[in-house]
Protein backbone atom coordinates (compact mmCIF):
# COMPACT_ATOMS: atom_id res chain seq x y z
CA UNK A 1 22.17 52.04 46.10
CA UNK A 2 22.78 55.94 46.13
CA UNK A 3 21.51 58.03 48.87
CA UNK A 4 21.20 61.79 49.50
CA UNK A 5 17.99 62.10 51.47
CA UNK A 6 16.41 59.80 48.98
CA UNK A 7 17.49 56.37 47.78
CA UNK A 8 18.22 55.95 44.02
CA UNK A 9 18.74 52.90 41.84
CA UNK A 10 21.27 54.40 39.60
CA UNK A 11 23.54 57.39 39.33
CA UNK A 12 21.65 58.48 36.31
CA UNK A 13 18.39 58.58 38.32
CA UNK A 14 20.06 60.48 41.09
CA UNK A 15 21.53 63.15 38.81
CA UNK A 16 18.33 63.46 36.79
CA UNK A 17 16.25 63.93 39.93
CA UNK A 18 18.44 66.54 41.63
CA UNK A 19 18.99 68.49 38.34
CA UNK A 20 15.20 68.79 38.05
CA UNK A 21 14.87 69.86 41.64
CA UNK A 22 17.61 72.49 41.24
CA UNK A 23 16.16 73.76 37.93
CA UNK A 24 12.61 74.08 39.47
CA UNK A 25 14.01 75.89 42.52
CA UNK A 26 15.99 78.23 40.37
CA UNK A 27 12.97 79.18 38.31
CA UNK A 28 10.84 79.70 41.43
CA UNK A 29 13.34 81.83 43.26
CA UNK A 30 14.26 83.79 40.06
CA UNK A 31 10.57 84.30 39.32
CA UNK A 32 9.85 85.40 42.86
CA UNK A 33 12.69 87.87 42.81
CA UNK A 34 11.25 89.33 39.46
CA UNK A 35 7.70 89.66 40.51
CA UNK A 36 8.58 91.32 43.93
CA UNK A 37 11.00 93.93 42.39
CA UNK A 38 9.68 97.61 42.78
CA UNK A 39 10.20 98.23 39.05
CA UNK A 40 7.23 97.69 36.89
CA UNK A 41 9.10 95.85 34.28
CA UNK A 42 11.94 93.30 34.00
CA UNK A 43 14.09 92.64 30.93
CA UNK A 44 11.74 94.96 28.96
CA UNK A 45 8.51 93.09 29.73
CA UNK A 46 5.83 93.79 32.33
CA UNK A 47 6.04 91.88 35.57
CA UNK A 48 2.65 90.41 35.01
CA UNK A 49 4.19 88.13 32.31
CA UNK A 50 6.60 86.57 34.85
CA UNK A 51 3.64 86.14 37.26
CA UNK A 52 1.75 84.22 34.53
CA UNK A 53 4.96 82.23 33.77
CA UNK A 54 5.05 81.08 37.53
CA UNK A 55 1.50 80.37 37.75
CA UNK A 56 1.47 78.28 34.55
CA UNK A 57 4.68 76.57 35.36
CA UNK A 58 3.21 75.26 38.71
CA UNK A 59 -0.09 74.40 36.94
CA UNK A 60 1.82 72.37 34.33
CA UNK A 61 3.95 70.83 37.12
CA UNK A 62 0.86 69.60 38.94
CA UNK A 63 -0.73 68.35 35.69
CA UNK A 64 2.24 66.48 34.19
CA UNK A 65 3.27 65.23 37.57
CA UNK A 66 -0.10 63.44 37.86
CA UNK A 67 -0.12 62.52 34.12
CA UNK A 68 3.22 60.67 34.41
CA UNK A 69 1.77 58.48 37.20
CA UNK A 70 -1.78 58.04 36.05
CA UNK A 71 -1.56 54.97 33.98
CA UNK A 72 0.63 53.17 36.65
CA UNK A 73 -1.91 54.18 39.37
CA UNK A 74 -4.79 52.78 37.36
CA UNK A 75 -3.10 49.44 36.73
CA UNK A 76 -0.95 48.88 39.87
CA UNK A 77 -3.16 50.51 42.55
CA UNK A 78 -6.80 50.26 41.27
CA UNK A 79 -6.15 46.99 39.63
CA UNK A 80 -7.62 47.89 36.11
CA UNK A 81 -6.54 45.77 33.19
CA UNK A 82 -4.23 47.47 30.63
CA UNK A 83 -7.09 47.79 28.27
CA UNK A 84 -9.55 49.28 30.67
CA UNK A 85 -6.84 51.64 32.20
CA UNK A 86 -5.88 52.82 28.67
CA UNK A 87 -9.49 53.61 27.81
CA UNK A 88 -9.99 55.54 31.17
CA UNK A 89 -6.75 57.45 30.33
CA UNK A 90 -7.85 58.23 26.80
CA UNK A 91 -11.30 59.46 28.12
CA UNK A 92 -9.57 61.63 30.74
CA UNK A 93 -7.27 63.27 28.28
CA UNK A 94 -10.18 63.67 25.78
CA UNK A 95 -12.27 65.43 28.38
CA UNK A 96 -9.22 67.79 29.22
CA UNK A 97 -9.35 69.00 25.72
CA UNK A 98 -13.11 69.45 25.38
CA UNK A 99 -13.69 71.60 28.54
CA UNK A 100 -11.48 74.42 27.40
CA UNK A 101 -14.19 75.14 24.69
CA UNK A 102 -16.70 75.81 27.56
CA UNK A 103 -14.21 77.51 29.78
CA UNK A 104 -13.19 79.84 27.02
CA UNK A 105 -16.72 80.66 26.14
CA UNK A 106 -17.72 81.53 29.74
CA UNK A 107 -14.70 83.72 30.23
CA UNK A 108 -15.29 85.55 27.08
CA UNK A 109 -19.03 86.13 27.69
CA UNK A 110 -19.21 86.57 31.45
CA UNK A 111 -16.26 85.93 33.84
CA UNK A 112 -13.29 87.45 32.07
CA UNK A 113 -10.05 85.44 31.86
CA UNK A 114 -8.65 86.22 35.31
CA UNK A 115 -11.70 84.96 37.38
CA UNK A 116 -11.93 82.04 35.02
CA UNK A 117 -8.25 81.14 35.79
CA UNK A 118 -8.76 81.65 39.35
CA UNK A 119 -11.81 79.30 39.43
CA UNK A 120 -10.03 76.78 37.46
CA UNK A 121 -6.96 76.92 39.74
CA UNK A 122 -9.06 76.26 42.78
CA UNK A 123 -10.62 73.29 41.25
CA UNK A 124 -7.27 71.97 40.16
CA UNK A 125 -5.80 72.42 43.67
CA UNK A 126 -8.59 70.37 45.21
CA UNK A 127 -8.41 67.82 42.32
CA UNK A 128 -4.70 67.17 42.66
CA UNK A 129 -4.88 66.84 46.52
CA UNK A 130 -7.78 64.48 46.16
CA UNK A 131 -5.53 62.25 44.03
CA UNK A 132 -3.32 61.68 47.11
CA UNK A 133 -6.20 59.82 48.96
CA UNK A 134 -5.44 56.38 47.67
CA UNK A 135 -7.28 54.09 50.12
CA UNK A 136 -6.44 50.42 50.11
CA UNK A 137 -6.63 49.95 46.46
CA UNK A 138 -8.72 47.63 44.06
CA UNK A 139 -11.98 48.70 42.49
CA UNK A 140 -14.08 47.47 45.43
CA UNK A 141 -12.40 50.21 47.63
CA UNK A 142 -15.07 53.03 48.13
CA UNK A 143 -12.13 55.56 47.97
CA UNK A 144 -12.14 55.10 44.24
CA UNK A 145 -15.11 57.52 44.19
CA UNK A 146 -12.67 60.10 45.56
CA UNK A 147 -10.29 59.34 42.72
CA UNK A 148 -13.03 59.73 40.11
CA UNK A 149 -13.94 63.09 41.73
CA UNK A 150 -10.37 64.16 41.64
CA UNK A 151 -10.17 63.53 37.75
CA UNK A 152 -13.38 65.35 37.27
CA UNK A 153 -12.07 68.32 39.29
CA UNK A 154 -8.77 68.30 37.28
CA UNK A 155 -10.67 68.04 33.87
CA UNK A 156 -13.01 71.02 34.64
CA UNK A 157 -10.24 73.03 36.28
CA UNK A 158 -8.03 72.52 33.21
CA UNK A 159 -10.92 73.69 31.09
CA UNK A 160 -11.15 76.94 32.86
CA UNK A 161 -7.46 77.57 33.29
CA UNK A 162 -5.94 76.29 29.98
CA UNK A 163 -8.44 78.14 27.79
CA UNK A 164 -7.62 81.48 29.43
CA UNK A 165 -4.27 82.04 31.09
CA UNK A 166 -2.31 82.38 27.75
CA UNK A 167 -4.96 84.86 26.53
CA UNK A 168 -4.05 87.17 29.41
CA UNK A 169 -0.38 87.06 28.31
CA UNK A 170 -1.56 88.52 24.94
CA UNK A 171 -3.72 91.15 26.71
CA UNK A 172 -0.52 92.65 28.33
CA UNK A 173 0.59 93.66 24.93
CA UNK A 174 -0.84 95.56 21.99
CA UNK A 175 -1.26 93.57 18.83
CA UNK A 176 1.48 95.61 17.15
CA UNK A 177 3.95 95.37 20.14
CA UNK A 178 7.22 93.82 18.97
CA UNK A 179 7.64 92.23 22.41
CA UNK A 180 4.62 89.97 21.83
CA UNK A 181 6.30 86.88 20.42
CA UNK A 182 9.27 87.05 22.80
CA UNK A 183 6.65 87.13 25.55
CA UNK A 184 4.97 83.96 24.39
CA UNK A 185 8.44 82.41 24.18
CA UNK A 186 9.06 83.13 27.79
CA UNK A 187 5.64 81.89 28.80
CA UNK A 188 6.15 78.77 26.76
CA UNK A 189 9.44 78.03 28.75
CA UNK A 190 7.25 78.06 31.91
CA UNK A 191 5.08 75.37 30.49
CA UNK A 192 7.89 73.07 29.63
CA UNK A 193 9.93 73.63 32.75
CA UNK A 194 6.88 72.61 34.66
CA UNK A 195 6.27 69.61 32.55
CA UNK A 196 9.82 68.36 32.39
CA UNK A 197 10.56 68.67 36.05
CA UNK A 198 7.25 67.26 37.21
CA UNK A 199 7.67 64.03 35.26
CA UNK A 200 10.91 63.46 36.83
CA UNK A 201 10.30 64.54 40.46
CA UNK A 202 6.69 63.49 40.94
CA UNK A 203 7.26 60.34 38.83
CA UNK A 204 10.24 59.30 41.12
CA UNK A 205 8.52 60.05 44.37
CA UNK A 206 5.21 58.32 43.26
CA UNK A 207 6.87 55.11 42.03
CA UNK A 208 9.51 54.94 44.60
CA UNK A 209 7.91 55.97 47.89
CA UNK A 210 4.15 55.95 47.35
CA UNK A 211 1.49 57.31 45.13
CA UNK A 212 0.37 59.93 47.81
CA UNK A 213 3.92 61.51 47.59
CA UNK A 214 3.80 61.97 43.97
CA UNK A 215 0.30 63.19 43.70
CA UNK A 216 0.59 65.26 46.89
CA UNK A 217 3.67 67.04 45.53
CA UNK A 218 1.60 67.80 42.37
CA UNK A 219 -1.19 69.24 44.51
CA UNK A 220 1.30 71.28 46.54
CA UNK A 221 2.75 72.65 43.20
CA UNK A 222 -0.70 73.66 42.04
CA UNK A 223 -1.34 75.38 45.50
CA UNK A 224 1.87 77.45 44.98
CA UNK A 225 0.70 78.55 41.52
CA UNK A 226 -2.70 79.45 42.91
CA UNK A 227 -1.04 81.66 45.66
CA UNK A 228 1.23 83.44 43.10
CA UNK A 229 -1.76 84.10 40.88
CA UNK A 230 -3.87 85.56 43.78
CA UNK A 231 -1.18 87.71 45.37
CA UNK A 232 -0.02 88.96 42.02
CA UNK A 233 -3.36 90.35 40.81
CA UNK A 234 -2.04 93.93 40.73
CA UNK A 235 0.71 92.85 38.30
CA UNK A 236 -1.91 92.04 35.61
CA UNK A 237 -2.67 95.83 35.22
CA UNK A 238 -6.51 95.13 35.16
CA UNK A 239 -6.23 92.75 32.23
CA UNK A 240 -8.45 89.69 31.86
CA UNK A 241 -11.43 91.30 33.67
CA UNK A 242 -15.07 90.88 32.54
CA UNK A 243 -15.95 92.90 29.53
CA UNK A 244 -19.48 93.57 30.85
CA UNK A 245 -19.47 93.41 34.85
CA UNK A 246 -23.19 93.98 34.75
CA UNK A 247 -23.60 90.42 33.41
CA UNK A 248 -22.22 89.05 36.78
CA UNK A 249 -24.58 91.07 39.08
CA UNK A 250 -27.45 89.57 41.11
CA UNK A 251 -25.68 86.28 41.91
CA UNK A 252 -25.02 85.42 38.27
CA UNK A 253 -21.26 85.10 38.94
CA UNK A 254 -22.02 82.35 41.55
CA UNK A 255 -24.46 80.74 39.14
CA UNK A 256 -21.57 80.32 36.62
CA UNK A 257 -19.48 78.75 39.31
CA UNK A 258 -22.36 76.45 40.12
CA UNK A 259 -22.47 75.47 36.41
CA UNK A 260 -18.79 74.73 36.62
CA UNK A 261 -19.45 72.37 39.66
CA UNK A 262 -22.23 70.79 37.59
CA UNK A 263 -19.67 70.12 34.95
CA UNK A 264 -17.50 68.39 37.45
CA UNK A 265 -20.49 66.14 38.38
CA UNK A 266 -21.02 65.38 34.74
CA UNK A 267 -17.24 64.51 34.21
CA UNK A 268 -17.43 62.34 37.37
CA UNK A 269 -20.14 60.22 35.63
CA UNK A 270 -18.41 60.33 32.09
CA UNK A 271 -15.00 59.25 33.28
CA UNK A 272 -16.55 56.12 34.80
CA UNK A 273 -18.62 55.39 31.75
CA UNK A 274 -16.08 56.05 29.12
CA UNK A 275 -18.40 55.01 26.28
CA UNK A 276 -20.31 58.29 26.96
CA UNK A 277 -17.24 60.26 26.07
CA UNK A 278 -17.00 58.35 22.78
CA UNK A 279 -20.72 59.12 22.11
CA UNK A 280 -20.26 62.75 22.89
CA UNK A 281 -17.19 63.06 20.71
CA UNK A 282 -18.96 61.19 17.89
CA UNK A 283 -22.23 63.22 18.14
CA UNK A 284 -21.11 66.64 18.86
CA UNK A 285 -17.75 66.40 16.83
CA UNK A 286 -19.65 65.05 13.77
CA UNK A 287 -22.30 67.65 14.16
CA UNK A 288 -19.72 70.48 14.54
CA UNK A 289 -18.01 69.36 11.26
CA UNK A 290 -21.14 69.18 9.43
CA UNK A 291 -22.23 72.61 10.77
CA UNK A 292 -18.89 74.16 9.76
CA UNK A 293 -19.20 72.61 6.21
CA UNK A 294 -22.71 73.72 5.81
CA UNK A 295 -21.96 77.25 6.89
CA UNK A 296 -18.92 77.35 4.50
CA UNK A 297 -21.03 76.15 1.61
CA UNK A 298 -24.04 78.23 2.05
CA UNK A 299 -22.80 81.55 3.75
CA UNK A 300 -19.14 82.16 2.63
CA UNK A 301 -17.59 83.62 -0.52
CA UNK A 302 -15.83 81.07 -2.64
CA UNK A 303 -12.27 81.79 -1.27
CA UNK A 304 -13.31 81.80 2.27
CA UNK A 305 -15.16 78.59 1.63
CA UNK A 306 -12.17 76.94 0.21
CA UNK A 307 -10.09 78.06 3.16
CA UNK A 308 -12.53 76.31 5.49
CA UNK A 309 -12.23 73.14 3.44
CA UNK A 310 -8.44 73.30 3.89
CA UNK A 311 -8.77 73.93 7.67
CA UNK A 312 -11.06 70.89 7.96
CA UNK A 313 -8.49 68.70 6.16
CA UNK A 314 -5.91 69.83 8.55
CA UNK A 315 -8.17 69.29 11.48
CA UNK A 316 -9.11 65.76 10.51
CA UNK A 317 -5.51 64.89 9.64
CA UNK A 318 -4.40 66.00 13.14
CA UNK A 319 -6.61 63.35 14.73
CA UNK A 320 -4.35 60.64 13.35
CA UNK A 321 -1.21 62.43 14.77
CA UNK A 322 -2.67 62.85 18.23
CA UNK A 323 -3.97 59.29 18.35
CA UNK A 324 -0.44 58.03 18.00
CA UNK A 325 1.47 60.83 19.85
CA UNK A 326 -0.61 60.43 22.93
CA UNK A 327 0.57 56.78 23.47
CA UNK A 328 3.23 58.42 25.43
CA UNK A 329 1.28 58.58 28.65
CA UNK A 330 -0.36 55.21 28.35
CA UNK A 331 0.87 52.25 26.33
CA UNK A 332 4.31 53.63 25.83
CA UNK A 333 4.69 54.44 29.45
CA UNK A 334 3.71 50.75 30.34
CA UNK A 335 5.98 49.35 27.58
CA UNK A 336 8.90 51.37 29.03
CA UNK A 337 8.26 50.09 32.60
CA UNK A 338 7.97 46.39 31.46
CA UNK A 339 10.14 45.82 28.56
CA UNK A 340 12.86 48.39 28.43
CA UNK A 341 16.35 48.35 30.04
CA UNK A 342 15.92 51.64 31.96
CA UNK A 343 18.99 50.93 34.13
CA UNK A 344 16.89 51.26 37.26
CA UNK A 345 15.29 54.64 36.37
CA UNK A 346 11.51 54.77 37.00
CA UNK A 347 9.62 54.57 33.74
CA UNK A 348 7.50 57.68 34.54
CA UNK A 349 10.55 59.95 34.52
CA UNK A 350 10.89 59.25 30.82
CA UNK A 351 7.74 61.45 30.37
CA UNK A 352 10.04 64.34 30.74
CA UNK A 353 11.87 63.55 27.53
CA UNK A 354 9.32 65.42 25.12
CA UNK A 355 9.20 68.46 27.15
CA UNK A 356 13.07 68.64 27.17
CA UNK A 357 13.35 68.05 23.37
CA UNK A 358 10.82 70.75 22.88
CA UNK A 359 12.77 73.42 24.79
CA UNK A 360 15.96 72.45 22.83
CA UNK A 361 14.39 72.02 19.40
CA UNK A 362 11.55 74.59 19.28
CA UNK A 363 13.95 77.61 18.65
CA UNK A 364 15.75 75.46 15.97
CA UNK A 365 12.51 74.86 14.12
CA UNK A 366 11.48 78.43 14.34
CA UNK A 367 14.68 79.65 12.88
CA UNK A 368 14.62 76.90 10.31
CA UNK A 369 11.11 77.80 9.08
CA UNK A 370 12.03 81.51 8.89
CA UNK A 371 15.24 80.71 6.97
CA UNK A 372 13.35 78.53 4.48
CA UNK A 373 10.68 81.12 4.10
CA UNK A 374 13.24 83.88 3.25
CA UNK A 375 14.57 81.56 0.50
CA UNK A 376 11.02 80.59 -0.68
CA UNK A 377 11.52 77.03 0.31
CA UNK A 378 9.46 76.58 3.25
CA UNK A 379 7.01 73.57 3.15
CA UNK A 380 3.36 74.41 3.05
CA UNK A 381 1.23 73.88 6.15
CA UNK A 382 -0.35 70.68 4.71
CA UNK A 383 3.07 69.33 3.70
CA UNK A 384 4.15 69.94 7.33
CA UNK A 385 1.14 67.96 8.55
CA UNK A 386 2.14 65.11 6.28
CA UNK A 387 5.76 65.21 7.50
CA UNK A 388 4.51 65.25 11.14
CA UNK A 389 2.42 62.03 10.59
CA UNK A 390 5.26 60.32 8.76
CA UNK A 391 7.55 61.08 11.70
CA UNK A 392 5.20 59.84 14.36
CA UNK A 393 4.82 56.71 12.43
CA UNK A 394 8.47 56.30 11.95
CA UNK A 395 8.92 56.74 15.71
CA UNK A 396 6.98 53.57 16.40
CA UNK A 397 8.58 51.67 13.55
CA UNK A 398 12.12 52.50 14.99
CA UNK A 399 11.03 51.26 18.39
CA UNK A 400 9.69 48.02 16.77
CA UNK A 401 12.88 47.37 14.72
CA UNK A 402 15.17 48.14 17.61
CA UNK A 403 13.21 45.84 19.97
CA UNK A 404 13.10 43.02 17.57
CA UNK A 405 16.64 43.56 16.50
CA UNK A 406 17.82 43.18 20.09
CA UNK A 407 15.55 40.23 20.54
CA UNK A 408 11.90 40.06 21.90
CA UNK A 409 13.08 37.99 24.86
CA UNK A 410 15.51 40.62 26.19
CA UNK A 411 14.87 44.14 27.40
CA UNK A 412 14.86 46.80 24.68
CA UNK A 413 17.72 49.13 24.68
CA UNK A 414 16.71 52.44 26.17
CA UNK A 415 18.18 54.40 23.27
CA UNK A 416 15.08 53.52 21.32
CA UNK A 417 12.87 55.18 23.73
CA UNK A 418 14.82 58.40 23.34
CA UNK A 419 14.52 57.91 19.52
CA UNK A 420 10.79 57.43 19.50
CA UNK A 421 10.36 60.67 21.60
CA UNK A 422 12.68 62.54 19.34
CA UNK A 423 10.77 61.59 16.21
CA UNK A 424 7.45 62.33 17.93
CA UNK A 425 8.73 65.74 19.12
CA UNK A 426 9.99 66.70 15.75
CA UNK A 427 6.59 65.65 14.32
CA UNK A 428 4.91 67.69 17.02
CA UNK A 429 6.82 70.88 16.10
CA UNK A 430 5.85 70.28 12.38
CA UNK A 431 2.04 70.14 13.33
CA UNK A 432 1.07 71.61 16.61
CA UNK A 433 2.17 75.19 16.48
CA UNK A 434 1.76 75.31 12.63
CA UNK A 435 -1.76 73.91 12.95
CA UNK A 436 -2.93 76.52 15.37
CA UNK A 437 -1.49 79.28 13.32
CA UNK A 438 -3.23 77.94 10.38
CA UNK A 439 -6.59 77.81 12.09
CA UNK A 440 -6.34 81.48 12.88
CA UNK A 441 -5.13 82.41 9.42
CA UNK A 442 -7.81 80.49 7.56
CA UNK A 443 -10.71 81.25 9.62
CA UNK A 444 -12.98 84.31 8.88
CA UNK A 445 -13.16 86.67 11.84
CA UNK A 446 -16.86 85.58 12.77
CA UNK A 447 -15.95 81.89 12.54
CA UNK A 448 -12.57 82.03 14.40
CA UNK A 449 -13.97 80.55 17.73
CA UNK A 450 -15.99 77.97 15.93
CA UNK A 451 -12.93 76.71 14.07
CA UNK A 452 -10.86 76.75 17.22
CA UNK A 453 -13.50 74.78 19.10
CA UNK A 454 -13.47 72.19 16.20
CA UNK A 455 -9.63 71.99 16.47
CA UNK A 456 -10.03 71.21 20.29
CA UNK A 457 -12.69 68.63 19.55
CA UNK A 458 -10.29 66.96 17.02
CA UNK A 459 -7.62 66.90 19.60
CA UNK A 460 -10.05 65.38 22.08
CA UNK A 461 -10.97 62.77 19.54
CA UNK A 462 -7.38 61.93 18.91
CA UNK A 463 -6.81 61.46 22.70
CA UNK A 464 -9.80 59.23 22.91
CA UNK A 465 -8.71 57.19 19.89
CA UNK A 466 -5.38 56.96 21.58
CA UNK A 467 -6.94 55.22 24.51
CA UNK A 468 -8.58 52.66 22.18
CA UNK A 469 -5.20 51.93 20.45
CA UNK A 470 -3.47 51.59 23.82
CA UNK A 471 -6.20 49.20 24.92
CA UNK A 472 -5.33 47.04 21.92
CA UNK A 473 -1.76 46.60 23.25
CA UNK A 474 -2.86 45.03 26.41
CA UNK A 475 -1.41 41.47 26.71
CA UNK A 476 -2.12 40.27 30.11
CA UNK A 477 -2.08 36.68 30.86
CA UNK A 478 -0.08 35.55 27.87
CA UNK A 479 3.47 35.96 29.38
CA UNK A 480 5.98 38.81 29.31
CA UNK A 481 7.60 37.83 25.99
CA UNK A 482 4.24 37.32 24.20
CA UNK A 483 2.79 40.36 25.75
CA UNK A 484 5.72 42.44 24.45
CA UNK A 485 5.20 41.06 20.99
CA UNK A 486 1.48 42.11 21.13
CA UNK A 487 2.45 45.63 21.77
CA UNK A 488 5.19 45.56 19.01
CA UNK A 489 2.59 44.19 16.52
CA UNK A 490 0.21 46.93 17.24
CA UNK A 491 2.95 49.64 17.11
CA UNK A 492 4.15 48.19 13.78
CA UNK A 493 0.56 48.22 12.29
CA UNK A 494 -0.14 51.75 13.47
CA UNK A 495 3.38 52.96 12.35
CA UNK A 496 2.88 51.60 8.91
CA UNK A 497 -0.62 53.15 8.56
CA UNK A 498 0.63 56.51 9.81
CA UNK A 499 3.48 56.61 7.32
CA UNK A 500 0.97 55.79 4.55
CA UNK A 501 -1.43 58.50 5.68
CA UNK A 502 1.37 61.06 6.02
CA UNK A 503 2.61 60.28 2.57
CA UNK A 504 -0.85 60.67 1.18
CA UNK A 505 -1.22 64.02 2.94
CA UNK A 506 2.13 65.16 1.41
CA UNK A 507 0.91 64.09 -2.15
CA UNK A 508 -2.37 66.12 -1.89
CA UNK A 509 -0.62 69.07 -0.11
CA UNK A 510 -0.29 71.18 -3.32
CA UNK A 511 -4.25 70.99 -3.80
CA UNK A 512 -4.86 71.78 -0.09
CA UNK A 513 -2.39 74.63 -0.39
CA UNK A 514 -4.28 75.97 -3.42
CA UNK A 515 -7.52 75.90 -1.37
CA UNK A 516 -5.86 78.14 1.23
CA UNK A 517 -5.61 81.16 -1.29
CA UNK A 518 -2.64 82.56 0.57
CA UNK A 519 -2.14 85.13 -2.15
CA UNK A 520 -5.36 86.92 -1.22
CA UNK A 521 -5.17 86.45 2.51
CA UNK A 522 -5.66 89.66 4.48
CA UNK A 523 -3.57 90.55 7.57
CA UNK A 524 -6.62 90.93 9.78
CA UNK A 525 -7.01 87.06 9.53
CA UNK A 526 -3.95 86.84 11.66
CA UNK A 527 -5.44 88.44 14.63
CA UNK A 528 -5.28 86.30 17.78
CA UNK A 529 -2.83 83.80 16.35
CA UNK A 530 -0.55 84.11 19.31
CA UNK A 531 -3.15 83.99 21.88
CA UNK A 532 -3.72 80.23 21.95
CA UNK A 533 -2.06 77.91 24.49
CA UNK A 534 1.49 76.79 24.06
CA UNK A 535 1.82 73.05 24.26
CA UNK A 536 1.02 69.74 22.60
CA UNK A 537 -2.42 70.26 21.07
CA UNK A 538 -2.25 73.94 21.74
CA UNK A 539 1.09 74.76 20.04
CA UNK A 540 4.43 75.79 21.11
CA UNK A 541 5.96 78.41 18.75
CA UNK A 542 4.36 80.64 16.19
CA UNK A 543 6.69 80.80 13.11
CA UNK A 544 5.84 83.14 10.40
CA UNK A 545 4.72 80.52 7.90
CA UNK A 546 4.02 81.14 4.33
CA UNK A 547 1.51 78.31 4.15
């Protein structure tokens, strides 16, 4: 209908696509100008920050570009049922949040963050390019093994990169440097610029012109990020290097890379046999929780023990949130494609809405929390968690009410897709950054990594549970109207349960707050709070919460 190099089905799609292209190009050119200036700093920050901004922007571009298309690729190209595709998607995203525990450990003990990020970026580049080998389609096509290998490479590559690149940002500044929080805000913008533009650009190309174009562009983006990171090494000022280089001598460094490739092989098997992922999450996650509780009861002072109990409450509660929030890339993506009046816009492009809302609303929430804190009216951390779960549940209920109000037999007005993402984003901002800050505040120094690992396991469990919920929405073979009703019935059920769980969390929040013993919390418990990642399960802003 509309042409300008590409063919678009609506003016809205045309403008959305080209705005995303211009924005991405502007950040690329601006970032390139900054990192190639002769001056060591720009806008009061070391140029290494902007190098990491560019590297992370392109890594997130590749990841979210692939993520926007993955559920459609599984259903439409590899011919998986909605249920099977959703479980594969859930297992994939779960593994993406397990592997940073390993990647972070290996970087801390042996490789250092820079080499870990570099290794992860190489794996990601190969993984995203392998996604572009689509073969003829169908599960009998042997090319599907290349697809499984691509997912495995992306999983392990993300584990090495995600766990470490944001830590290097923190290493560029001393812990008392007042530029530290603004630096993470700048870095955080890179994440969301990459996420928002990728969903629009790669989503459009993949669904309109062919999977290889969408996935290929995602791979090319990752390659650009890798090139920036390699050439910009001097800008990191020696940060992120191994703490003890002697541990890497005698071929040990290559042994670690070999272990990384072994992880790829393990993930290649796990992603094909998704029940293995469920068993791993159940066994290791359950064992981890029991070990943390045992340690808290037997080895910690009463106040520290209570804080661990409070942290475990928050961790377990977060599983409910992520199980519903992560419908975005699977069942909600399919629902948008099949049952929503998108006015000709490709459904995958709607994956950008969350990132755009985050960019717009995160500063608002940060200022709101700080304003309420000054007045002594800021909600406690467990209260914010309850509010988050209520909002994610209401998001589904609003979509159900809107769809049924318009009539199940007609396409759902697109405004309700914007509304569900709005409620899910405001819920995310009540839980994700607040949760990571709480993990760091409540953990004794010697248990900080253990608690953070438990948080990531909970995030992974939520992602896997999201796949199971999405599988329940599959309504193949019952007709379009009946299939839509199946999805709405599941959404109504989980929405009502979420509101109930959220209200229960709000009711018990005073008790949980009391377990946090905020009045005796020492400042050293805050160390490292700003060094976690800055998106979805990893948080976005770090407000100065009072609890």
